């Protein structure tokens, strides 16, 4: 599971969060549940809807993995940095930690913690 988990997590950050939303249906299960501090989202569409406000607030928004991925059993974790430019032209950056559960080669559950830097 470890090498599959590493590969999936890299796709999660490098592809989905960096704007290739077509990939979501390949690596996110229909029964997916995402746990944000203020809400839960369900399914691929729910994930993409939850991402939209964040990705819409910045121009040139990019994400990169800083730590990990780390995998054990059916879980994979990583730390990432996001950065972009606000509508006012100001640079902005934030960091986050992800924990995802994998089943049958897809992500089925997600927990995230994010903070500005």
N, C-alpha and C. Protein backbone atom coordinates (compact mmCIF):
# COMPACT_ATOMS: atom_id res chain seq x y z
N UNK A 1 0.83 -1.20 0.00
CA UNK A 1 0.00 0.00 0.00
C UNK A 1 0.86 1.25 0.00
N UNK A 2 2.05 1.20 0.61
CA UNK A 2 2.85 2.40 0.79
C UNK A 2 3.19 3.11 -0.53
N UNK A 3 3.67 2.37 -1.54
CA UNK A 3 4.03 3.05 -2.79
C UNK A 3 2.79 3.56 -3.51
N UNK A 4 1.69 2.82 -3.44
CA UNK A 4 0.43 3.29 -4.04
C UNK A 4 -0.04 4.56 -3.32
N UNK A 5 0.05 4.57 -1.99
CA UNK A 5 -0.38 5.72 -1.20
C UNK A 5 0.47 6.95 -1.55
N UNK A 6 1.77 6.76 -1.68
CA UNK A 6 2.65 7.87 -2.04
C UNK A 6 2.26 8.44 -3.40
N UNK A 7 2.04 7.55 -4.35
CA UNK A 7 1.66 7.96 -5.71
C UNK A 7 0.32 8.71 -5.70
N UNK A 8 -0.66 8.18 -4.99
CA UNK A 8 -1.97 8.83 -4.92
C UNK A 8 -1.87 10.22 -4.28
N UNK A 9 -1.09 10.33 -3.21
CA UNK A 9 -0.99 11.62 -2.54
C UNK A 9 -0.30 12.65 -3.43
N UNK A 10 0.72 12.23 -4.15
CA UNK A 10 1.38 13.16 -5.07
C UNK A 10 0.39 13.65 -6.13
N UNK A 11 -0.45 12.76 -6.62
CA UNK A 11 -1.47 13.16 -7.59
C UNK A 11 -2.49 14.10 -6.94
N UNK A 12 -2.85 13.83 -5.71
CA UNK A 12 -3.79 14.66 -4.94
C UNK A 12 -3.31 16.12 -4.92
N UNK A 13 -2.05 16.32 -4.56
CA UNK A 13 -1.50 17.68 -4.48
C UNK A 13 -1.11 18.21 -5.86
N UNK A 14 -0.27 17.47 -6.56
CA UNK A 14 0.33 17.97 -7.79
C UNK A 14 -0.66 18.11 -8.94
N UNK A 15 -1.72 17.34 -8.91
CA UNK A 15 -2.68 17.41 -10.01
C UNK A 15 -3.99 18.08 -9.57
N UNK A 16 -4.71 17.47 -8.63
CA UNK A 16 -6.03 18.02 -8.27
C UNK A 16 -5.89 19.43 -7.68
N UNK A 17 -5.08 19.59 -6.65
CA UNK A 17 -5.00 20.90 -5.99
C UNK A 17 -4.31 21.93 -6.85
N UNK A 18 -3.52 21.49 -7.82
CA UNK A 18 -2.90 22.44 -8.75
C UNK A 18 -3.74 22.65 -10.00
N UNK A 19 -5.03 22.23 -9.97
CA UNK A 19 -5.97 22.64 -11.00
C UNK A 19 -6.45 21.60 -11.98
N UNK A 20 -5.93 20.38 -11.95
CA UNK A 20 -6.39 19.35 -12.88
C UNK A 20 -7.53 18.57 -12.24
N UNK A 21 -8.72 19.14 -12.26
CA UNK A 21 -9.86 18.55 -11.55
C UNK A 21 -10.40 17.29 -12.21
N UNK A 22 -10.02 17.04 -13.46
CA UNK A 22 -10.43 15.80 -14.14
C UNK A 22 -9.90 14.57 -13.39
N UNK A 23 -8.75 14.72 -12.74
CA UNK A 23 -8.12 13.62 -12.02
C UNK A 23 -8.95 13.20 -10.81
N UNK A 24 -9.74 14.10 -10.28
CA UNK A 24 -10.49 13.81 -9.05
C UNK A 24 -11.34 12.55 -9.20
N UNK A 25 -12.02 12.38 -10.32
CA UNK A 25 -12.88 11.21 -10.49
C UNK A 25 -12.09 9.91 -10.59
N UNK A 26 -10.79 10.01 -10.85
CA UNK A 26 -9.95 8.82 -10.93
C UNK A 26 -9.45 8.37 -9.56
N UNK A 27 -9.16 9.32 -8.68
CA UNK A 27 -8.53 8.94 -7.41
C UNK A 27 -9.37 9.23 -6.17
N UNK A 28 -10.55 9.81 -6.36
CA UNK A 28 -11.46 10.09 -5.24
C UNK A 28 -12.72 9.26 -5.43
N UNK A 29 -13.07 8.47 -4.42
CA UNK A 29 -14.23 7.59 -4.49
C UNK A 29 -15.53 8.39 -4.43
N UNK A 30 -16.57 7.87 -5.05
CA UNK A 30 -17.89 8.53 -5.01
C UNK A 30 -18.39 8.67 -3.58
N UNK A 31 -18.05 7.72 -2.71
CA UNK A 31 -18.47 7.79 -1.31
C UNK A 31 -17.55 8.60 -0.42
N UNK A 32 -16.68 9.38 -1.02
CA UNK A 32 -15.70 10.21 -0.31
C UNK A 32 -16.37 11.13 0.71
N UNK A 33 -15.74 11.26 1.88
CA UNK A 33 -16.17 12.23 2.90
C UNK A 33 -14.95 13.07 3.27
N UNK A 34 -15.07 14.39 3.12
CA UNK A 34 -14.00 15.31 3.50
C UNK A 34 -14.41 16.07 4.74
N UNK A 35 -13.50 16.10 5.72
CA UNK A 35 -13.76 16.77 7.01
C UNK A 35 -12.95 18.06 7.07
N UNK A 36 -13.62 19.18 6.86
CA UNK A 36 -13.02 20.49 7.06
C UNK A 36 -13.39 20.94 8.46
N UNK A 37 -12.67 21.89 9.04
CA UNK A 37 -13.02 22.33 10.39
C UNK A 37 -14.45 22.84 10.53
N UNK A 38 -15.00 23.42 9.44
CA UNK A 38 -16.34 24.01 9.54
C UNK A 38 -17.44 23.24 8.81
N UNK A 39 -17.09 22.13 8.17
CA UNK A 39 -18.13 21.38 7.43
C UNK A 39 -17.58 20.04 6.95
N UNK A 40 -18.50 19.22 6.46
CA UNK A 40 -18.14 17.98 5.78
C UNK A 40 -18.62 18.07 4.35
N UNK A 41 -17.86 17.46 3.44
CA UNK A 41 -18.27 17.41 2.04
C UNK A 41 -18.33 15.95 1.63
N UNK A 42 -19.15 15.68 0.62
CA UNK A 42 -19.38 14.30 0.18
C UNK A 42 -19.20 14.17 -1.32
N UNK A 43 -18.48 13.13 -1.72
CA UNK A 43 -18.31 12.80 -3.13
C UNK A 43 -17.33 13.71 -3.84
N UNK A 44 -17.05 13.34 -5.09
CA UNK A 44 -16.13 14.12 -5.93
C UNK A 44 -16.67 15.53 -6.14
N UNK A 45 -17.94 15.66 -6.45
CA UNK A 45 -18.52 16.99 -6.68
C UNK A 45 -18.44 17.85 -5.43
N UNK A 46 -18.68 17.27 -4.27
CA UNK A 46 -18.58 18.01 -3.01
C UNK A 46 -17.17 18.50 -2.77
N UNK A 47 -16.19 17.66 -3.08
CA UNK A 47 -14.79 18.07 -2.94
C UNK A 47 -14.48 19.26 -3.83
N UNK A 48 -14.85 19.16 -5.09
CA UNK A 48 -14.56 20.23 -6.04
C UNK A 48 -15.29 21.52 -5.67
N UNK A 49 -16.51 21.41 -5.16
CA UNK A 49 -17.25 22.59 -4.70
C UNK A 49 -16.56 23.23 -3.50
N UNK A 50 -16.02 22.40 -2.59
CA UNK A 50 -15.32 22.93 -1.41
C UNK A 50 -14.02 23.61 -1.80
N UNK A 51 -13.39 23.15 -2.87
CA UNK A 51 -12.13 23.74 -3.32
C UNK A 51 -12.35 25.07 -4.04
N UNK A 52 -13.49 25.24 -4.68
CA UNK A 52 -13.73 26.39 -5.56
C UNK A 52 -13.51 27.75 -4.89
N UNK A 53 -14.04 28.01 -3.69
CA UNK A 53 -13.82 29.33 -3.09
C UNK A 53 -12.33 29.63 -2.87
N UNK A 54 -11.58 28.63 -2.44
CA UNK A 54 -10.16 28.84 -2.20
C UNK A 54 -9.42 29.12 -3.49
N UNK A 55 -9.63 28.27 -4.47
CA UNK A 55 -8.91 28.45 -5.73
C UNK A 55 -9.36 29.72 -6.46
N UNK A 56 -10.59 30.16 -6.21
CA UNK A 56 -11.09 31.38 -6.83
C UNK A 56 -10.57 32.66 -6.19
N UNK A 57 -10.03 32.59 -4.97
CA UNK A 57 -9.54 33.77 -4.26
C UNK A 57 -8.15 34.21 -4.71
N UNK A 58 -7.45 33.34 -5.43
CA UNK A 58 -6.05 33.62 -5.77
C UNK A 58 -5.80 33.47 -7.25
N UNK A 59 -4.86 34.24 -7.74
CA UNK A 59 -4.31 34.04 -9.08
C UNK A 59 -3.01 33.27 -8.91
N UNK A 60 -2.66 32.51 -9.89
CA UNK A 60 -1.39 31.77 -9.87
C UNK A 60 -1.25 30.93 -8.61
N UNK A 61 -2.32 30.29 -8.18
CA UNK A 61 -2.28 29.47 -6.98
C UNK A 61 -1.59 28.15 -7.27
N UNK A 62 -0.59 27.82 -6.44
CA UNK A 62 0.12 26.55 -6.59
C UNK A 62 0.29 25.90 -5.23
N UNK A 63 0.40 24.59 -5.27
CA UNK A 63 0.62 23.80 -4.06
C UNK A 63 1.84 22.92 -4.28
N UNK A 64 2.62 22.73 -3.20
CA UNK A 64 3.73 21.80 -3.28
C UNK A 64 3.86 21.05 -1.96
N UNK A 65 4.29 19.82 -2.04
CA UNK A 65 4.46 18.98 -0.86
C UNK A 65 5.75 19.38 -0.17
N UNK A 66 5.67 19.61 1.14
CA UNK A 66 6.85 19.94 1.94
C UNK A 66 7.34 18.75 2.75
N UNK A 67 6.43 17.95 3.27
CA UNK A 67 6.78 16.78 4.07
C UNK A 67 5.93 15.61 3.63
N UNK A 68 6.56 14.47 3.46
CA UNK A 68 5.83 13.27 3.10
C UNK A 68 5.81 13.06 1.61
N UNK A 69 4.90 12.23 1.22
CA UNK A 69 3.85 11.62 2.02
C UNK A 69 4.36 10.51 2.92
N UNK A 70 3.66 10.34 4.01
CA UNK A 70 3.92 9.28 4.97
C UNK A 70 2.73 8.34 4.93
N UNK A 71 2.97 7.04 4.86
CA UNK A 71 1.86 6.10 4.72
C UNK A 71 2.02 4.93 5.69
N UNK A 72 0.88 4.53 6.23
CA UNK A 72 0.83 3.33 7.06
C UNK A 72 -0.59 2.78 6.99
N UNK A 73 -0.66 1.46 6.79
CA UNK A 73 -1.94 0.78 6.62
C UNK A 73 -2.74 1.48 5.52
N UNK A 74 -3.94 1.95 5.83
CA UNK A 74 -4.78 2.57 4.79
C UNK A 74 -4.76 4.10 4.86
N UNK A 75 -3.77 4.67 5.57
CA UNK A 75 -3.71 6.12 5.74
C UNK A 75 -2.45 6.70 5.10
N UNK A 76 -2.59 7.91 4.57
CA UNK A 76 -1.45 8.65 4.04
C UNK A 76 -1.56 10.09 4.54
N UNK A 77 -0.41 10.66 4.90
CA UNK A 77 -0.38 12.02 5.43
C UNK A 77 0.70 12.82 4.73
N UNK A 78 0.51 14.12 4.71
CA UNK A 78 1.52 15.01 4.14
C UNK A 78 1.31 16.43 4.61
N UNK A 79 2.37 17.21 4.44
CA UNK A 79 2.31 18.64 4.74
C UNK A 79 2.61 19.37 3.44
N UNK A 80 1.85 20.43 3.17
CA UNK A 80 1.99 21.14 1.92
C UNK A 80 2.02 22.65 2.16
N UNK A 81 2.44 23.36 1.13
CA UNK A 81 2.42 24.82 1.13
C UNK A 81 1.67 25.27 -0.12
N UNK A 82 0.74 26.20 0.08
CA UNK A 82 0.05 26.83 -1.03
C UNK A 82 0.46 28.29 -1.11
N UNK A 83 0.59 28.79 -2.32
CA UNK A 83 0.92 30.21 -2.47
C UNK A 83 0.33 30.74 -3.76
N UNK A 84 0.01 31.99 -3.71
CA UNK A 84 -0.58 32.64 -4.87
C UNK A 84 -0.60 34.13 -4.68
N UNK A 85 -1.38 34.80 -5.51
CA UNK A 85 -1.51 36.25 -5.46
C UNK A 85 -2.99 36.58 -5.29
N UNK A 86 -3.28 37.49 -4.35
CA UNK A 86 -4.67 37.89 -4.14
C UNK A 86 -5.14 38.78 -5.28
N UNK A 87 -6.44 39.08 -5.31
CA UNK A 87 -7.00 39.97 -6.34
C UNK A 87 -6.37 41.36 -6.27
N UNK A 88 -5.87 41.75 -5.09
CA UNK A 88 -5.19 43.05 -4.91
C UNK A 88 -3.73 43.02 -5.33
N UNK A 89 -3.26 41.85 -5.78
CA UNK A 89 -1.87 41.73 -6.20
C UNK A 89 -0.90 41.41 -5.09
N UNK A 90 -1.42 41.14 -3.90
CA UNK A 90 -0.56 40.82 -2.76
C UNK A 90 -0.22 39.33 -2.75
N UNK A 91 1.03 38.99 -2.45
CA UNK A 91 1.36 37.56 -2.32
C UNK A 91 0.73 37.00 -1.04
N UNK A 92 0.33 35.75 -1.11
CA UNK A 92 -0.27 35.07 0.04
C UNK A 92 0.26 33.65 0.09
N UNK A 93 0.43 33.14 1.30
CA UNK A 93 0.89 31.76 1.46
C UNK A 93 0.19 31.14 2.66
N UNK A 94 0.02 29.86 2.61
CA UNK A 94 -0.58 29.11 3.70
C UNK A 94 -0.02 27.70 3.69
N UNK A 95 -0.07 27.05 4.83
CA UNK A 95 0.41 25.68 4.95
C UNK A 95 -0.72 24.81 5.46
N UNK A 96 -0.61 23.53 5.21
CA UNK A 96 -1.64 22.63 5.68
C UNK A 96 -1.12 21.22 5.86
N UNK A 97 -1.89 20.47 6.61
CA UNK A 97 -1.60 19.06 6.84
C UNK A 97 -2.81 18.26 6.40
N UNK A 98 -2.55 17.20 5.66
CA UNK A 98 -3.61 16.32 5.17
C UNK A 98 -3.46 14.94 5.79
N UNK A 99 -4.57 14.31 6.03
CA UNK A 99 -4.63 12.90 6.38
C UNK A 99 -5.75 12.31 5.54
N UNK A 100 -5.43 11.28 4.77
CA UNK A 100 -6.41 10.66 3.87
C UNK A 100 -6.45 9.16 4.07
N UNK A 101 -7.65 8.60 3.96
CA UNK A 101 -7.84 7.15 4.03
C UNK A 101 -8.05 6.63 2.60
N UNK A 102 -7.37 5.51 2.30
CA UNK A 102 -7.43 4.90 0.97
C UNK A 102 -8.17 3.57 1.07
N UNK A 103 -9.04 3.34 0.09
CA UNK A 103 -9.69 2.03 -0.04
C UNK A 103 -9.81 1.75 -1.54
N UNK A 104 -9.40 0.55 -1.93
CA UNK A 104 -9.51 0.12 -3.34
C UNK A 104 -8.87 1.12 -4.30
N UNK A 105 -7.72 1.69 -3.92
CA UNK A 105 -6.98 2.56 -4.81
C UNK A 105 -7.52 3.97 -4.97
N UNK A 106 -8.45 4.37 -4.09
CA UNK A 106 -9.00 5.72 -4.15
C UNK A 106 -9.10 6.31 -2.75
N UNK A 107 -9.13 7.62 -2.68
CA UNK A 107 -9.33 8.28 -1.40
C UNK A 107 -10.81 8.22 -1.02
N UNK A 108 -11.06 7.82 0.23
CA UNK A 108 -12.44 7.71 0.71
C UNK A 108 -12.74 8.66 1.86
N UNK A 109 -11.69 9.16 2.53
CA UNK A 109 -11.91 10.06 3.65
C UNK A 109 -10.72 11.00 3.77
N UNK A 110 -11.00 12.23 4.22
CA UNK A 110 -10.00 13.29 4.22
C UNK A 110 -10.19 14.21 5.42
N UNK A 111 -9.08 14.51 6.10
CA UNK A 111 -9.07 15.49 7.17
C UNK A 111 -8.00 16.52 6.82
N UNK A 112 -8.30 17.80 7.01
CA UNK A 112 -7.36 18.86 6.65
C UNK A 112 -7.28 19.90 7.76
N UNK A 113 -6.08 20.44 7.96
CA UNK A 113 -5.87 21.59 8.84
C UNK A 113 -4.99 22.57 8.07
N UNK A 114 -5.41 23.82 8.03
CA UNK A 114 -4.73 24.85 7.23
C UNK A 114 -4.55 26.11 8.05
N UNK A 115 -3.45 26.82 7.82
CA UNK A 115 -3.22 28.10 8.48
C UNK A 115 -2.42 29.02 7.56
N UNK A 116 -2.70 30.33 7.59
CA UNK A 116 -1.88 31.27 6.80
C UNK A 116 -0.48 31.38 7.40
N UNK A 117 0.48 31.75 6.56
CA UNK A 117 1.85 32.00 7.04
C UNK A 117 2.26 33.41 6.71
